[in-house]
C-alpha atoms as a PDB file:
ATOM      1  CA  MET A   1     -54.293  28.371  -4.173  1.00  0.00           C
ATOM      2  CA  THR A   2     -51.916  25.719  -5.506  1.00  0.00           C
ATOM      3  CA  ASP A   3     -52.328  21.878  -5.566  1.00  0.00           C
ATOM      4  CA  PRO A   4     -52.015  20.224  -2.263  1.00  0.00           C
ATOM      5  CA  ASN A   5     -49.911  17.475  -3.866  1.00  0.00           C
ATOM      6  CA  PHE A   6     -47.599  19.979  -5.536  1.00  0.00           C
ATOM      7  CA  ALA A   7     -45.046  20.062  -2.456  1.00  0.00           C
ATOM      8  CA  ALA A   8     -45.285  16.077  -2.383  1.00  0.00           C
ATOM      9  CA  LYS A   9     -44.373  15.771  -6.034  1.00  0.00           C
ATOM     10  CA  ALA A  10     -41.921  18.339  -5.851  1.00  0.00           C
ATOM     11  CA  TYR A  11     -40.065  16.524  -2.687  1.00  0.00           C
ATOM     12  CA  THR A  12     -40.267  13.221  -4.770  1.00  0.00           C
ATOM     13  CA  ASN A  13     -38.876  14.791  -7.856  1.00  0.00           C
ATOM     14  CA  SER A  14     -35.740  16.418  -5.901  1.00  0.00           C
ATOM     15  CA  LEU A  15     -35.250  12.851  -4.442  1.00  0.00           C
ATOM     16  CA  ASN A  16     -35.005  11.347  -7.833  1.00  0.00           C
ATOM     17  CA  VAL A  17     -32.885  13.857  -9.254  1.00  0.00           C
ATOM     18  CA  GLY A  18     -30.553  13.643  -6.158  1.00  0.00           C
ATOM     19  CA  SER A  19     -30.308   9.769  -6.577  1.00  0.00           C
ATOM     20  CA  LYS A  20     -29.614  10.257 -10.179  1.00  0.00           C
ATOM     21  CA  ALA A  21     -26.966  12.813  -9.660  1.00  0.00           C
ATOM     22  CA  GLY A  22     -25.055  10.774  -7.149  1.00  0.00           C
ATOM     23  CA  ALA A  23     -25.182   7.707  -9.392  1.00  0.00           C
ATOM     24  CA  SER A  24     -23.915   9.704 -12.321  1.00  0.00           C
ATOM     25  CA  LEU A  25     -21.093  10.946 -10.403  1.00  0.00           C
ATOM     26  CA  ALA A  26     -19.768   7.853  -9.928  1.00  0.00           C
ATOM     27  CA  ASP A  27     -20.609   6.563 -13.424  1.00  0.00           C
ATOM     28  CA  ASP A  28     -18.884   9.496 -14.973  1.00  0.00           C
ATOM     29  CA  GLY A  29     -15.558   8.934 -13.751  1.00  0.00           C
ATOM     30  CA  GLY A  30     -16.144  11.150 -10.627  1.00  0.00           C
ATOM     31  CA  VAL A  31     -13.884  10.730  -7.636  1.00  0.00           C
ATOM     32  CA  SER A  32     -14.929   8.109  -5.099  1.00  0.00           C
ATOM     33  CA  PHE A  33     -14.530   8.727  -1.415  1.00  0.00           C
ATOM     34  CA  SER A  34     -12.103   5.659  -1.463  1.00  0.00           C
ATOM     35  CA  ASP A  35     -10.073   7.236  -4.163  1.00  0.00           C
ATOM     36  CA  PHE A  36      -9.922  10.502  -2.571  1.00  0.00           C
ATOM     37  CA  LEU A  37      -8.756   9.009   0.796  1.00  0.00           C
ATOM     38  CA  ARG A  38      -6.168   6.852  -0.965  1.00  0.00           C
ATOM     39  CA  GLY A  39      -4.798  10.107  -2.693  1.00  0.00           C
ATOM     40  CA  SER A  40      -4.774  11.942   0.442  1.00  0.00           C
ATOM     41  CA  LEU A  41      -2.703   9.131   2.392  1.00  0.00           C
ATOM     42  CA  GLU A  42      -0.294   8.941  -0.556  1.00  0.00           C
ATOM     43  CA  ASN A  43       0.218  12.740  -0.491  1.00  0.00           C
ATOM     44  CA  THR A  44       0.496  12.568   3.440  1.00  0.00           C
ATOM     45  CA  VAL A  45       3.002   9.467   3.020  1.00  0.00           C
ATOM     46  CA  GLY A  46       5.046  11.454   0.226  1.00  0.00           C
ATOM     47  CA  LYS A  47       5.158  14.834   2.733  1.00  0.00           C
ATOM     48  CA  LEU A  48       6.379  12.549   5.666  1.00  0.00           C
ATOM     49  CA  LYS A  49       9.210  11.002   3.284  1.00  0.00           C
ATOM     50  CA  ALA A  50      10.124  14.582   2.022  1.00  0.00           C
ATOM     51  CA  GLY A  51      10.752  15.576   5.787  1.00  0.00           C
ATOM     52  CA  GLU A  52      12.749  12.674   6.577  1.00  0.00           C
ATOM     53  CA  GLN A  53      14.815  13.338   3.406  1.00  0.00           C
ATOM     54  CA  MET A  54      15.190  17.169   4.244  1.00  0.00           C
ATOM     55  CA  SER A  55      16.100  15.976   7.953  1.00  0.00           C
ATOM     56  CA  ALA A  56      19.105  13.658   6.650  1.00  0.00           C
ATOM     57  CA  LYS A  57      20.007  16.566   4.373  1.00  0.00           C
ATOM     58  CA  ALA A  58      20.338  18.860   7.333  1.00  0.00           C
ATOM     59  CA  VAL A  59      22.512  16.085   9.104  1.00  0.00           C
ATOM     60  CA  THR A  60      25.061  16.004   6.218  1.00  0.00           C
ATOM     61  CA  GLY A  61      24.850  19.873   5.885  1.00  0.00           C
ATOM     62  CA  ASP A  62      23.236  19.872   2.565  1.00  0.00           C
ATOM     63  CA  ALA A  63      19.929  21.605   3.395  1.00  0.00           C
ATOM     64  CA  ASP A  64      19.242  25.015   4.733  1.00  0.00           C
ATOM     65  CA  VAL A  65      17.542  25.106   8.305  1.00  0.00           C
ATOM     66  CA  THR A  66      14.422  27.130   7.027  1.00  0.00           C
ATOM     67  CA  ASP A  67      13.919  24.474   4.295  1.00  0.00           C
ATOM     68  CA  VAL A  68      14.149  21.550   6.864  1.00  0.00           C
ATOM     69  CA  VAL A  69      11.810  23.385   9.334  1.00  0.00           C
ATOM     70  CA  GLN A  70       9.321  24.098   6.299  1.00  0.00           C
ATOM     71  CA  ALA A  71       9.430  20.123   5.330  1.00  0.00           C
ATOM     72  CA  VAL A  72       9.074  18.970   8.730  1.00  0.00           C
ATOM     73  CA  THR A  73       6.196  21.554   9.608  1.00  0.00           C
ATOM     74  CA  GLU A  74       4.280  20.220   6.302  1.00  0.00           C
ATOM     75  CA  ALA A  75       4.840  16.720   7.254  1.00  0.00           C
ATOM     76  CA  GLU A  76       3.661  17.149  10.847  1.00  0.00           C
ATOM     77  CA  LEU A  77       0.603  19.047   9.561  1.00  0.00           C
ATOM     78  CA  ALA A  78      -0.248  16.225   7.106  1.00  0.00           C
ATOM     79  CA  LEU A  79      -0.021  13.762   9.926  1.00  0.00           C
ATOM     80  CA  GLN A  80      -2.225  15.648  12.199  1.00  0.00           C
ATOM     81  CA  THR A  81      -4.776  15.873   9.477  1.00  0.00           C
ATOM     82  CA  VAL A  82      -4.504  12.185   8.755  1.00  0.00           C
ATOM     83  CA  ILE A  83      -5.129  11.434  12.785  1.00  0.00           C
ATOM     84  CA  ALA A  84      -8.031  13.846  12.943  1.00  0.00           C
ATOM     85  CA  LEU A  85      -9.636  12.260  10.146  1.00  0.00           C
ATOM     86  CA  ARG A  86      -9.175   8.701  11.631  1.00  0.00           C
ATOM     87  CA  ASP A  87     -10.378   9.886  14.924  1.00  0.00           C
ATOM     88  CA  ARG A  88     -13.634  11.085  12.983  1.00  0.00           C
ATOM     89  CA  LEU A  89     -14.151   8.040  11.312  1.00  0.00           C
ATOM     90  CA  ILE A  90     -13.917   5.949  14.252  1.00  0.00           C
ATOM     91  CA  SER A  91     -16.291   8.195  16.204  1.00  0.00           C
ATOM     92  CA  ALA A  92     -18.765   8.240  13.247  1.00  0.00           C
ATOM     93  CA  TYR A  93     -18.497   4.228  13.295  1.00  0.00           C
ATOM     94  CA  GLN A  94     -18.994   4.204  16.947  1.00  0.00           C
ATOM     95  CA  ASP A  95     -22.087   6.502  16.652  1.00  0.00           C
ATOM     96  CA  ILE A  96     -23.572   4.052  13.928  1.00  0.00           C
ATOM     97  CA  MET A  97     -22.826   1.047  16.199  1.00  0.00           C
ATOM     98  CA  ARG A  98     -24.776   2.668  19.034  1.00  0.00           C
ATOM     99  CA  MET A  99     -28.057   3.315  17.162  1.00  0.00           C
ATOM    100  CA  PRO A 100     -30.804   1.315  18.083  1.00  0.00           C
ATOM    101  CA  ILE A 101     -32.119  -1.112  15.586  1.00  0.00           C
END
């Protein structure tokens, strides 16, 4: 039979390893959540601007219809993703606020 404290020691060691790994990720130059979110929003804004520019080119006759549809569809998808993320963040915040103390 094994030591009864073996499971407790293993659990404690895994917690220590997990906390060190999370700390080293930020210390080693890993991407933080805020940096990831900022990059995603900048990408979305870029896609929205590209869709607007392509629509303007379509009005002047400088762009192909398929290119316009593709740019607008990409912009719409990016915007829907941001809206879904916003809704999930608000829902998570509301769940946290409802938690009993």
